Each structure stands twice: as structure tokens, then as C-alpha cells.
Amino acid sequence: MSLLQGEFRVEDGCAYIRAERDSEAGEPPYYLPLFPREEAQLVDGNALEYQGSTYQDGDHIELSGGGPNLSLEEALDNGDLPENISIGERCRDEAHVFVVAPREI
């Protein structure tokens, strides 16, 4: 399991994490967090409610999980996404997929 840390961003109705990791291009990559259904929701199109916390655009966030090291477009083409997620049509195809681990009960 990996830890993704970065800045929570909302663009065109899609939630992203702008990772703190360095990239060769000099700009941190964007990740599209894929949450288990019913565990997270966008509120008013600019905030995320997850595990009892609310994250606004620009807030720091940490998520556990992992997944294929693929862009959204590649993951969709390969069928490498969990069945219990939904993705907005305007989400960045080049954003890398990060499957958020389900909350432990």
C-alpha cells in the first residue's frame, strides 16, 4: 500500500491530488483518486467529504491505496479499474489513477 500526499484540487467537476512527489518535467503529477462508493463525495462541486473531514480546493490531503501506474485513459482502455467507482466524463485522461483503500471497519 502506498501513501499519496499532495494538494487537493477540483477542476471541471473532477477531484485530483497534485502530488508532492518530484517529476522529471519539474511539475508534480496529477492523480485521480478513485474512492470506494459511499465513502467520499464532492460537496457543492468544490469540496470533498471523506472519513469525517472536509477538504477544500487547495487543502493538503493524504490517502492510502495504490493501483496501476497508468493514466486514466490507459486504465480505461485496459479495463484496469475497480467496478465500484464512477468517473466524470471531463476528468483528465493523462492524470494517473490512484485507487484509494477502503476504510477499515
PDB file of N, CA and C in Angstrom:
ATOM      1  N   MET A   1       0.849  -1.178   0.000  1.00  0.00           N
ATOM      2  CA  MET A   1       0.000   0.000   0.000  1.00  0.00           C
ATOM      3  C   MET A   1       0.894   1.240   0.000  1.00  0.00           C
ATOM      4  N   SER A   2       0.473   2.249  -0.718  1.00  0.00           N
ATOM      5  CA  SER A   2       1.228   3.496  -0.845  1.00  0.00           C
ATOM      6  C   SER A   2       0.506   4.636  -0.152  1.00  0.00           C
ATOM      7  N   LEU A   3       1.252   5.687   0.113  1.00  0.00           N
ATOM      8  CA  LEU A   3       0.677   6.910   0.675  1.00  0.00           C
ATOM      9  C   LEU A   3       0.835   8.009  -0.368  1.00  0.00           C
ATOM     10  N   LEU A   4      -0.277   8.603  -0.762  1.00  0.00           N
ATOM     11  CA  LEU A   4      -0.269   9.718  -1.700  1.00  0.00           C
ATOM     12  C   LEU A   4      -0.525  10.989  -0.908  1.00  0.00           C
ATOM     13  N   GLN A   5       0.410  11.919  -0.980  1.00  0.00           N
ATOM     14  CA  GLN A   5       0.283  13.199  -0.286  1.00  0.00           C
ATOM     15  C   GLN A   5       0.319  14.310  -1.316  1.00  0.00           C
ATOM     16  N   GLY A   6      -0.500  15.326  -1.083  1.00  0.00           N
ATOM     17  CA  GLY A   6      -0.459  16.444  -2.004  1.00  0.00           C
ATOM     18  C   GLY A   6      -1.572  17.433  -1.762  1.00  0.00           C
ATOM     19  N   GLU A   7      -1.816  18.234  -2.773  1.00  0.00           N
ATOM     20  CA  GLU A   7      -2.811  19.297  -2.721  1.00  0.00           C
ATOM     21  C   GLU A   7      -4.094  18.815  -3.381  1.00  0.00           C
ATOM     22  N   PHE A   8      -5.200  18.897  -2.657  1.00  0.00           N
ATOM     23  CA  PHE A   8      -6.494  18.537  -3.211  1.00  0.00           C
ATOM     24  C   PHE A   8      -6.925  19.631  -4.170  1.00  0.00           C
ATOM     25  N   ARG A   9      -7.292  19.239  -5.394  1.00  0.00           N
ATOM     26  CA  ARG A   9      -7.714  20.197  -6.412  1.00  0.00           C
ATOM     27  C   ARG A   9      -9.028  19.737  -7.033  1.00  0.00           C
ATOM     28  N   VAL A  10      -9.861  20.691  -7.417  1.00  0.00           N
ATOM     29  CA  VAL A  10     -11.083  20.387  -8.162  1.00  0.00           C
ATOM     30  C   VAL A  10     -11.041  21.202  -9.447  1.00  0.00           C
ATOM     31  N   GLU A  11     -11.164  20.500 -10.578  1.00  0.00           N
ATOM     32  CA  GLU A  11     -11.170  21.146 -11.883  1.00  0.00           C
ATOM     33  C   GLU A  11     -12.259  20.502 -12.732  1.00  0.00           C
ATOM     34  N   ASP A  12     -13.136  21.293 -13.272  1.00  0.00           N
ATOM     35  CA  ASP A  12     -14.205  20.799 -14.153  1.00  0.00           C
ATOM     36  C   ASP A  12     -15.007  19.668 -13.522  1.00  0.00           C
ATOM     37  N   GLY A  13     -15.237  19.754 -12.217  1.00  0.00           N
ATOM     38  CA  GLY A  13     -16.042  18.751 -11.533  1.00  0.00           C
ATOM     39  C   GLY A  13     -15.310  17.479 -11.178  1.00  0.00           C
ATOM     40  N   CYS A  14     -14.003  17.436 -11.386  1.00  0.00           N
ATOM     41  CA  CYS A  14     -13.209  16.258 -11.040  1.00  0.00           C
ATOM     42  C   CYS A  14     -12.264  16.590  -9.894  1.00  0.00           C
ATOM     43  N   ALA A  15     -12.136  15.641  -8.986  1.00  0.00           N
ATOM     44  CA  ALA A  15     -11.217  15.800  -7.855  1.00  0.00           C
ATOM     45  C   ALA A  15      -9.872  15.180  -8.216  1.00  0.00           C
ATOM     46  N   TYR A  16      -8.800  15.918  -7.964  1.00  0.00           N
ATOM     47  CA  TYR A  16      -7.441  15.454  -8.225  1.00  0.00           C
ATOM     48  C   TYR A  16      -6.584  15.675  -6.992  1.00  0.00           C
ATOM     49  N   ILE A  17      -5.465  14.972  -6.966  1.00  0.00           N
ATOM     50  CA  ILE A  17      -4.416  15.249  -5.994  1.00  0.00           C
ATOM     51  C   ILE A  17      -3.195  15.663  -6.805  1.00  0.00           C
ATOM     52  N   ARG A  18      -2.707  16.855  -6.540  1.00  0.00           N
ATOM     53  CA  ARG A  18      -1.458  17.303  -7.163  1.00  0.00           C
ATOM     54  C   ARG A  18      -0.353  16.859  -6.227  1.00  0.00           C
ATOM     55  N   ALA A  19       0.323  15.797  -6.602  1.00  0.00           N
ATOM     56  CA  ALA A  19       1.263  15.120  -5.710  1.00  0.00           C
ATOM     57  C   ALA A  19       2.463  15.981  -5.367  1.00  0.00           C
ATOM     58  N   GLU A  20       2.997  15.740  -4.173  1.00  0.00           N
ATOM     59  CA  GLU A  20       4.195  16.446  -3.730  1.00  0.00           C
ATOM     60  C   GLU A  20       5.457  15.812  -4.286  1.00  0.00           C
ATOM     61  N   ARG A  21       5.319  14.666  -4.908  1.00  0.00           N
ATOM     62  CA  ARG A  21       6.469  13.972  -5.477  1.00  0.00           C
ATOM     63  C   ARG A  21       7.085  14.801  -6.596  1.00  0.00           C
ATOM     64  N   ASP A  22       8.403  14.682  -6.744  1.00  0.00           N
ATOM     65  CA  ASP A  22       9.073  15.369  -7.847  1.00  0.00           C
ATOM     66  C   ASP A  22       8.823  14.603  -9.133  1.00  0.00           C
ATOM     67  N   SER A  23       8.739  15.311 -10.216  1.00  0.00           N
ATOM     68  CA  SER A  23       8.626  14.658 -11.517  1.00  0.00           C
ATOM     69  C   SER A  23       9.763  15.143 -12.403  1.00  0.00           C
ATOM     70  N   GLU A  24      10.078  14.368 -13.412  1.00  0.00           N
ATOM     71  CA  GLU A  24      11.158  14.739 -14.326  1.00  0.00           C
ATOM     72  C   GLU A  24      10.834  16.024 -15.068  1.00  0.00           C
ATOM     73  N   ALA A  25       9.557  16.298 -15.285  1.00  0.00           N
ATOM     74  CA  ALA A  25       9.155  17.503 -16.010  1.00  0.00           C
ATOM     75  C   ALA A  25       9.230  18.745 -15.131  1.00  0.00           C
ATOM     76  N   GLY A  26       9.472  18.556 -13.840  1.00  0.00           N
ATOM     77  CA  GLY A  26       9.588  19.692 -12.942  1.00  0.00           C
ATOM     78  C   GLY A  26       8.291  20.085 -12.264  1.00  0.00           C
ATOM     79  N   GLU A  27       7.170  19.522 -12.697  1.00  0.00           N
ATOM     80  CA  GLU A  27       5.885  19.833 -12.075  1.00  0.00           C
ATOM     81  C   GLU A  27       5.286  18.546 -11.516  1.00  0.00           C
ATOM     82  N   PRO A  28       4.775  18.595 -10.288  1.00  0.00           N
ATOM     83  CA  PRO A  28       4.209  17.379  -9.706  1.00  0.00           C
ATOM     84  C   PRO A  28       3.059  16.843 -10.552  1.00  0.00           C
ATOM     85  N   PRO A  29       2.969  15.520 -10.670  1.00  0.00           N
ATOM     86  CA  PRO A  29       1.905  14.931 -11.471  1.00  0.00           C
ATOM     87  C   PRO A  29       0.554  15.007 -10.765  1.00  0.00           C
ATOM     88  N   TYR A  30      -0.483  14.947 -11.560  1.00  0.00           N
ATOM     89  CA  TYR A  30      -1.846  14.880 -11.036  1.00  0.00           C
ATOM     90  C   TYR A  30      -2.262  13.422 -10.925  1.00  0.00           C
ATOM     91  N   TYR A  31      -2.958  13.105  -9.841  1.00  0.00           N
ATOM     92  CA  TYR A  31      -3.531  11.779  -9.647  1.00  0.00           C
ATOM     93  C   TYR A  31      -5.037  11.924  -9.505  1.00  0.00           C
ATOM     94  N   LEU A  32      -5.746  10.989 -10.080  1.00  0.00           N
ATOM     95  CA  LEU A  32      -7.198  10.928  -9.965  1.00  0.00           C
ATOM     96  C   LEU A  32      -7.511   9.890  -8.893  1.00  0.00           C
ATOM     97  N   PRO A  33      -7.907  10.326  -7.680  1.00  0.00           N
ATOM     98  CA  PRO A  33      -8.199   9.353  -6.633  1.00  0.00           C
ATOM     99  C   PRO A  33      -9.545   8.682  -6.900  1.00  0.00           C
ATOM    100  N   LEU A  34      -9.544   7.371  -6.870  1.00  0.00           N
ATOM    101  CA  LEU A  34     -10.765   6.600  -7.075  1.00  0.00           C
ATOM    102  C   LEU A  34     -11.180   6.037  -5.719  1.00  0.00           C
ATOM    103  N   PHE A  35     -12.214   6.640  -5.155  1.00  0.00           N
ATOM    104  CA  PHE A  35     -12.696   6.256  -3.824  1.00  0.00           C
ATOM    105  C   PHE A  35     -13.732   5.144  -3.929  1.00  0.00           C
ATOM    106  N   PRO A  36     -13.768   4.244  -2.931  1.00  0.00           N
ATOM    107  CA  PRO A  36     -14.886   3.296  -2.886  1.00  0.00           C
ATOM    108  C   PRO A  36     -16.194   4.082  -2.760  1.00  0.00           C
ATOM    109  N   ARG A  37     -17.220   3.644  -3.476  1.00  0.00           N
ATOM    110  CA  ARG A  37     -18.516   4.331  -3.406  1.00  0.00           C
ATOM    111  C   ARG A  37     -18.979   4.442  -1.969  1.00  0.00           C
ATOM    112  N   GLU A  38     -19.718   5.480  -1.713  1.00  0.00           N
ATOM    113  CA  GLU A  38     -20.316   5.751  -0.403  1.00  0.00           C
ATOM    114  C   GLU A  38     -19.305   6.198   0.641  1.00  0.00           C
ATOM    115  N   GLU A  39     -18.012   6.241   0.314  1.00  0.00           N
ATOM    116  CA  GLU A  39     -17.021   6.678   1.309  1.00  0.00           C
ATOM    117  C   GLU A  39     -16.584   8.120   1.113  1.00  0.00           C
ATOM    118  N   ALA A  40     -16.873   8.686  -0.070  1.00  0.00           N
ATOM    119  CA  ALA A  40     -16.449  10.057  -0.348  1.00  0.00           C
ATOM    120  C   ALA A  40     -17.462  10.704  -1.273  1.00  0.00           C
ATOM    121  N   GLN A  41     -17.570  12.028  -1.158  1.00  0.00           N
ATOM    122  CA  GLN A  41     -18.444  12.736  -2.081  1.00  0.00           C
ATOM    123  C   GLN A  41     -17.983  14.175  -2.251  1.00  0.00           C
ATOM    124  N   LEU A  42     -18.189  14.695  -3.473  1.00  0.00           N
ATOM    125  CA  LEU A  42     -17.935  16.109  -3.723  1.00  0.00           C
ATOM    126  C   LEU A  42     -19.134  16.894  -3.227  1.00  0.00           C
ATOM    127  N   VAL A  43     -18.874  17.992  -2.535  1.00  0.00           N
ATOM    128  CA  VAL A  43     -19.925  18.832  -1.986  1.00  0.00           C
ATOM    129  C   VAL A  43     -19.836  20.193  -2.664  1.00  0.00           C
ATOM    130  N   ASP A  44     -20.955  20.642  -3.206  1.00  0.00           N
ATOM    131  CA  ASP A  44     -21.026  21.944  -3.881  1.00  0.00           C
ATOM    132  C   ASP A  44     -19.998  22.076  -4.996  1.00  0.00           C
ATOM    133  N   GLY A  45     -19.508  20.963  -5.519  1.00  0.00           N
ATOM    134  CA  GLY A  45     -18.589  20.988  -6.643  1.00  0.00           C
ATOM    135  C   GLY A  45     -17.181  21.455  -6.344  1.00  0.00           C
ATOM    136  N   ASN A  46     -16.874  21.775  -5.071  1.00  0.00           N
ATOM    137  CA  ASN A  46     -15.520  22.272  -4.784  1.00  0.00           C
ATOM    138  C   ASN A  46     -14.934  21.780  -3.470  1.00  0.00           C
ATOM    139  N   ALA A  47     -15.598  20.847  -2.809  1.00  0.00           N
ATOM    140  CA  ALA A  47     -15.083  20.310  -1.549  1.00  0.00           C
ATOM    141  C   ALA A  47     -15.303  18.801  -1.534  1.00  0.00           C
ATOM    142  N   LEU A  48     -14.434  18.104  -0.820  1.00  0.00           N
ATOM    143  CA  LEU A  48     -14.513  16.660  -0.695  1.00  0.00           C
ATOM    144  C   LEU A  48     -14.804  16.303   0.756  1.00  0.00           C
ATOM    145  N   GLU A  49     -15.813  15.473   0.966  1.00  0.00           N
ATOM    146  CA  GLU A  49     -16.064  14.908   2.289  1.00  0.00           C
ATOM    147  C   GLU A  49     -15.569  13.479   2.264  1.00  0.00           C
ATOM    148  N   TYR A  50     -14.629  13.176   3.178  1.00  0.00           N
ATOM    149  CA  TYR A  50     -14.030  11.845   3.228  1.00  0.00           C
ATOM    150  C   TYR A  50     -13.586  11.535   4.643  1.00  0.00           C
ATOM    151  N   GLN A  51     -14.046  10.426   5.166  1.00  0.00           N
ATOM    152  CA  GLN A  51     -13.687   9.942   6.506  1.00  0.00           C
ATOM    153  C   GLN A  51     -13.831  11.022   7.569  1.00  0.00           C
ATOM    154  N   GLY A  52     -14.958  11.708   7.549  1.00  0.00           N
ATOM    155  CA  GLY A  52     -15.262  12.689   8.583  1.00  0.00           C
ATOM    156  C   GLY A  52     -14.581  14.038   8.436  1.00  0.00           C
ATOM    157  N   SER A  53     -13.841  14.232   7.373  1.00  0.00           N
ATOM    158  CA  SER A  53     -13.161  15.510   7.134  1.00  0.00           C
ATOM    159  C   SER A  53     -13.648  16.113   5.829  1.00  0.00           C
ATOM    160  N   THR A  54     -13.562  17.437   5.762  1.00  0.00           N
ATOM    161  CA  THR A  54     -13.905  18.146   4.539  1.00  0.00           C
ATOM    162  C   THR A  54     -12.646  18.815   4.008  1.00  0.00           C
ATOM    163  N   TYR A  55     -12.355  18.576   2.749  1.00  0.00           N
ATOM    164  CA  TYR A  55     -11.180  19.145   2.089  1.00  0.00           C
ATOM    165  C   TYR A  55     -11.649  20.132   1.041  1.00  0.00           C
ATOM    166  N   GLN A  56     -11.143  21.351   1.125  1.00  0.00           N
ATOM    167  CA  GLN A  56     -11.440  22.391   0.144  1.00  0.00           C
ATOM    168  C   GLN A  56     -10.348  22.403  -0.919  1.00  0.00           C
ATOM    169  N   ASP A  57     -10.668  22.956  -2.087  1.00  0.00           N
ATOM    170  CA  ASP A  57      -9.692  23.107  -3.147  1.00  0.00           C
ATOM    171  C   ASP A  57      -8.448  23.795  -2.593  1.00  0.00           C
ATOM    172  N   GLY A  58      -7.292  23.154  -2.749  1.00  0.00           N
ATOM    173  CA  GLY A  58      -6.029  23.712  -2.264  1.00  0.00           C
ATOM    174  C   GLY A  58      -5.558  23.138  -0.944  1.00  0.00           C
ATOM    175  N   ASP A  59      -6.397  22.384  -0.241  1.00  0.00           N
ATOM    176  CA  ASP A  59      -6.014  21.794   1.049  1.00  0.00           C
ATOM    177  C   ASP A  59      -5.043  20.630   0.858  1.00  0.00           C
ATOM    178  N   HIS A  60      -4.209  20.401   1.874  1.00  0.00           N
ATOM    179  CA  HIS A  60      -3.322  19.237   1.898  1.00  0.00           C
ATOM    180  C   HIS A  60      -4.151  18.000   2.233  1.00  0.00           C
ATOM    181  N   ILE A  61      -3.842  16.874   1.576  1.00  0.00           N
ATOM    182  CA  ILE A  61      -4.562  15.626   1.821  1.00  0.00           C
ATOM    183  C   ILE A  61      -3.580  14.462   1.738  1.00  0.00           C
ATOM    184  N   GLU A  62      -3.854  13.408   2.513  1.00  0.00           N
ATOM    185  CA  GLU A  62      -3.074  12.176   2.473  1.00  0.00           C
ATOM    186  C   GLU A  62      -4.037  11.014   2.305  1.00  0.00           C
ATOM    187  N   LEU A  63      -3.731  10.126   1.352  1.00  0.00           N
ATOM    188  CA  LEU A  63      -4.589   8.983   1.062  1.00  0.00           C
ATOM    189  C   LEU A  63      -3.756   7.717   0.970  1.00  0.00           C
ATOM    190  N   SER A  64      -4.292   6.624   1.497  1.00  0.00           N
ATOM    191  CA  SER A  64      -3.652   5.315   1.378  1.00  0.00           C
ATOM    192  C   SER A  64      -4.289   4.558   0.229  1.00  0.00           C
ATOM    193  N   GLY A  65      -3.488   3.781  -0.467  1.00  0.00           N
ATOM    194  CA  GLY A  65      -4.024   2.992  -1.568  1.00  0.00           C
ATOM    195  C   GLY A  65      -2.921   2.614  -2.529  1.00  0.00           C
ATOM    196  N   GLY A  66      -3.229   2.654  -3.817  1.00  0.00           N
ATOM    197  CA  GLY A  66      -2.251   2.293  -4.837  1.00  0.00           C
ATOM    198  C   GLY A  66      -2.944   2.091  -6.159  1.00  0.00           C
ATOM    199  N   GLY A  67      -2.519   1.081  -6.870  1.00  0.00           N
ATOM    200  CA  GLY A  67      -3.163   0.776  -8.131  1.00  0.00           C
ATOM    201  C   GLY A  67      -2.200   0.754  -9.278  1.00  0.00           C
ATOM    202  N   PRO A  68      -2.737   0.606 -10.472  1.00  0.00           N
ATOM    203  CA  PRO A  68      -1.863   0.532 -11.649  1.00  0.00           C
ATOM    204  C   PRO A  68      -1.179   1.869 -11.890  1.00  0.00           C
ATOM    205  N   ASN A  69       0.059   1.826 -12.313  1.00  0.00           N
ATOM    206  CA  ASN A  69       0.780   3.062 -12.633  1.00  0.00           C
ATOM    207  C   ASN A  69       0.435   3.455 -14.068  1.00  0.00           C
ATOM    208  N   LEU A  70      -0.847   3.813 -14.252  1.00  0.00           N
ATOM    209  CA  LEU A  70      -1.370   4.117 -15.575  1.00  0.00           C
ATOM    210  C   LEU A  70      -2.125   5.435 -15.558  1.00  0.00           C
ATOM    211  N   SER A  71      -2.200   6.066 -16.718  1.00  0.00           N
ATOM    212  CA  SER A  71      -3.073   7.223 -16.841  1.00  0.00           C
ATOM    213  C   SER A  71      -4.515   6.726 -16.851  1.00  0.00           C
ATOM    214  N   LEU A  72      -5.444   7.621 -16.636  1.00  0.00           N
ATOM    215  CA  LEU A  72      -6.855   7.246 -16.675  1.00  0.00           C
ATOM    216  C   LEU A  72      -7.206   6.638 -18.024  1.00  0.00           C
ATOM    217  N   GLU A  73      -6.728   7.254 -19.096  1.00  0.00           N
ATOM    218  CA  GLU A  73      -7.015   6.748 -20.440  1.00  0.00           C
ATOM    219  C   GLU A  73      -6.511   5.314 -20.608  1.00  0.00           C
ATOM    220  N   GLU A  74      -5.271   5.051 -20.156  1.00  0.00           N
ATOM    221  CA  GLU A  74      -4.712   3.698 -20.267  1.00  0.00           C
ATOM    222  C   GLU A  74      -5.491   2.701 -19.418  1.00  0.00           C
ATOM    223  N   ALA A  75      -5.856   3.105 -18.202  1.00  0.00           N
ATOM    224  CA  ALA A  75      -6.595   2.211 -17.304  1.00  0.00           C
ATOM    225  C   ALA A  75      -7.973   1.881 -17.873  1.00  0.00           C
ATOM    226  N   LEU A  76      -8.627   2.872 -18.469  1.00  0.00           N
ATOM    227  CA  LEU A  76      -9.929   2.620 -19.095  1.00  0.00           C
ATOM    228  C   LEU A  76      -9.788   1.674 -20.291  1.00  0.00           C
ATOM    229  N   ASP A  77      -8.759   1.900 -21.108  1.00  0.00           N
ATOM    230  CA  ASP A  77      -8.534   1.046 -22.278  1.00  0.00           C
ATOM    231  C   ASP A  77      -8.233  -0.393 -21.872  1.00  0.00           C
ATOM    232  N   ASN A  78      -7.482  -0.577 -20.770  1.00  0.00           N
ATOM    233  CA  ASN A  78      -7.074  -1.909 -20.317  1.00  0.00           C
ATOM    234  C   ASN A  78      -8.111  -2.591 -19.435  1.00  0.00           C
ATOM    235  N   GLY A  79      -9.119  -1.848 -18.990  1.00  0.00           N
ATOM    236  CA  GLY A  79     -10.094  -2.419 -18.064  1.00  0.00           C
ATOM    237  C   GLY A  79      -9.519  -2.638 -16.675  1.00  0.00           C
ATOM    238  N   ASP A  80      -8.547  -1.808 -16.278  1.00  0.00           N
ATOM    239  CA  ASP A  80      -7.850  -1.965 -15.000  1.00  0.00           C
ATOM    240  C   ASP A  80      -8.431  -1.133 -13.867  1.00  0.00           C
ATOM    241  N   LEU A  81      -9.716  -0.842 -13.895  1.00  0.00           N
ATOM    242  CA  LEU A  81     -10.330  -0.043 -12.833  1.00  0.00           C
ATOM    243  C   LEU A  81     -11.300  -0.896 -12.028  1.00  0.00           C
ATOM    244  N   PRO A  82     -11.409  -0.619 -10.735  1.00  0.00           N
ATOM    245  CA  PRO A  82     -12.389  -1.359  -9.927  1.00  0.00           C
ATOM    246  C   PRO A  82     -13.802  -1.101 -10.434  1.00  0.00           C
ATOM    247  N   GLU A  83     -14.686  -2.042 -10.209  1.00  0.00           N
ATOM    248  CA  GLU A  83     -16.058  -1.926 -10.685  1.00  0.00           C
ATOM    249  C   GLU A  83     -16.886  -0.931  -9.885  1.00  0.00           C
ATOM    250  N   ASN A  84     -16.513  -0.662  -8.644  1.00  0.00           N
ATOM    251  CA  ASN A  84     -17.365   0.142  -7.762  1.00  0.00           C
ATOM    252  C   ASN A  84     -16.996   1.626  -7.754  1.00  0.00           C
ATOM    253  N   ILE A  85     -16.516   2.151  -8.881  1.00  0.00           N
ATOM    254  CA  ILE A  85     -16.172   3.578  -8.935  1.00  0.00           C
ATOM    255  C   ILE A  85     -16.891   4.216 -10.122  1.00  0.00           C
ATOM    256  N   SER A  86     -17.002   5.542 -10.059  1.00  0.00           N
ATOM    257  CA  SER A  86     -17.530   6.280 -11.196  1.00  0.00           C
ATOM    258  C   SER A  86     -16.607   7.464 -11.458  1.00  0.00           C
ATOM    259  N   ILE A  87     -16.468   7.814 -12.725  1.00  0.00           N
ATOM    260  CA  ILE A  87     -15.531   8.860 -13.129  1.00  0.00           C
ATOM    261  C   ILE A  87     -16.261   9.840 -14.028  1.00  0.00           C
ATOM    262  N   GLY A  88     -16.116  11.124 -13.739  1.00  0.00           N
ATOM    263  CA  GLY A  88     -16.724  12.150 -14.570  1.00  0.00           C
ATOM    264  C   GLY A  88     -16.137  12.156 -15.969  1.00  0.00           C
ATOM    265  N   GLU A  89     -16.953  12.511 -16.939  1.00  0.00           N
ATOM    266  CA  GLU A  89     -16.519  12.495 -18.339  1.00  0.00           C
ATOM    267  C   GLU A  89     -15.446  13.532 -18.645  1.00  0.00           C
ATOM    268  N   ARG A  90     -15.366  14.602 -17.849  1.00  0.00           N
ATOM    269  CA  ARG A  90     -14.413  15.667 -18.145  1.00  0.00           C
ATOM    270  C   ARG A  90     -13.109  15.520 -17.374  1.00  0.00           C
ATOM    271  N   CYS A  91     -12.880  14.376 -16.735  1.00  0.00           N
ATOM    272  CA  CYS A  91     -11.647  14.189 -15.975  1.00  0.00           C
ATOM    273  C   CYS A  91     -10.465  14.019 -16.921  1.00  0.00           C
ATOM    274  N   ARG A  92      -9.297  14.478 -16.473  1.00  0.00           N
ATOM    275  CA  ARG A  92      -8.083  14.443 -17.287  1.00  0.00           C
ATOM    276  C   ARG A  92      -7.695  13.017 -17.650  1.00  0.00           C
ATOM    277  N   ASP A  93      -7.570  12.754 -18.908  1.00  0.00           N
ATOM    278  CA  ASP A  93      -7.130  11.429 -19.341  1.00  0.00           C
ATOM    279  C   ASP A  93      -5.696  11.138 -18.926  1.00  0.00           C
ATOM    280  N   GLU A  94      -4.869  12.200 -18.823  1.00  0.00           N
ATOM    281  CA  GLU A  94      -3.455  11.984 -18.506  1.00  0.00           C
ATOM    282  C   GLU A  94      -3.187  11.848 -17.005  1.00  0.00           C
ATOM    283  N   ALA A  95      -4.179  12.157 -16.168  1.00  0.00           N
ATOM    284  CA  ALA A  95      -3.999  12.003 -14.718  1.00  0.00           C
ATOM    285  C   ALA A  95      -3.801  10.528 -14.398  1.00  0.00           C
ATOM    286  N   HIS A  96      -2.880  10.236 -13.488  1.00  0.00           N
ATOM    287  CA  HIS A  96      -2.641   8.857 -13.095  1.00  0.00           C
ATOM    288  C   HIS A  96      -3.697   8.405 -12.095  1.00  0.00           C
ATOM    289  N   VAL A  97      -4.063   7.153 -12.202  1.00  0.00           N
ATOM    290  CA  VAL A  97      -5.093   6.564 -11.349  1.00  0.00           C
ATOM    291  C   VAL A  97      -4.483   6.199  -9.995  1.00  0.00           C
ATOM    292  N   PHE A  98      -5.194   6.520  -8.915  1.00  0.00           N
ATOM    293  CA  PHE A  98      -4.801   6.106  -7.562  1.00  0.00           C
ATOM    294  C   PHE A  98      -6.052   5.549  -6.890  1.00  0.00           C
ATOM    295  N   VAL A  99      -6.075   4.241  -6.673  1.00  0.00           N
ATOM    296  CA  VAL A  99      -7.232   3.585  -6.062  1.00  0.00           C
ATOM    297  C   VAL A  99      -7.101   3.710  -4.545  1.00  0.00           C
ATOM    298  N   VAL A 100      -8.009   4.454  -3.941  1.00  0.00           N
ATOM    299  CA  VAL A 100      -7.986   4.695  -2.501  1.00  0.00           C
ATOM    300  C   VAL A 100      -8.453   3.441  -1.764  1.00  0.00           C
ATOM    301  N   ALA A 101      -7.692   3.064  -0.761  1.00  0.00           N
ATOM    302  CA  ALA A 101      -8.019   1.864   0.020  1.00  0.00           C
ATOM    303  C   ALA A 101      -9.319   2.083   0.780  1.00  0.00           C
ATOM    304  N   PRO A 102     -10.159   1.052   0.861  1.00  0.00           N
ATOM    305  CA  PRO A 102     -11.403   1.177   1.629  1.00  0.00           C
ATOM    306  C   PRO A 102     -11.119   1.442   3.098  1.00  0.00           C
ATOM    307  N   ARG A 103     -12.023   2.142   3.710  1.00  0.00           N
ATOM    308  CA  ARG A 103     -11.923   2.435   5.139  1.00  0.00           C
ATOM    309  C   ARG A 103     -12.005   1.132   5.917  1.00  0.00           C
ATOM    310  N   GLU A 104     -11.155   1.010   6.918  1.00  0.00           N
ATOM    311  CA  GLU A 104     -11.197  -0.182   7.769  1.00  0.00           C
ATOM    312  C   GLU A 104     -12.301  -0.045   8.787  1.00  0.00           C
ATOM    313  N   ILE A 105     -13.007  -1.148   9.011  1.00  0.00           N
ATOM    314  CA  ILE A 105     -14.127  -1.140   9.957  1.00  0.00           C
ATOM    315  C   ILE A 105     -13.701  -1.733  11.266  1.00  0.00           C
TER     316      ILE A 105
END
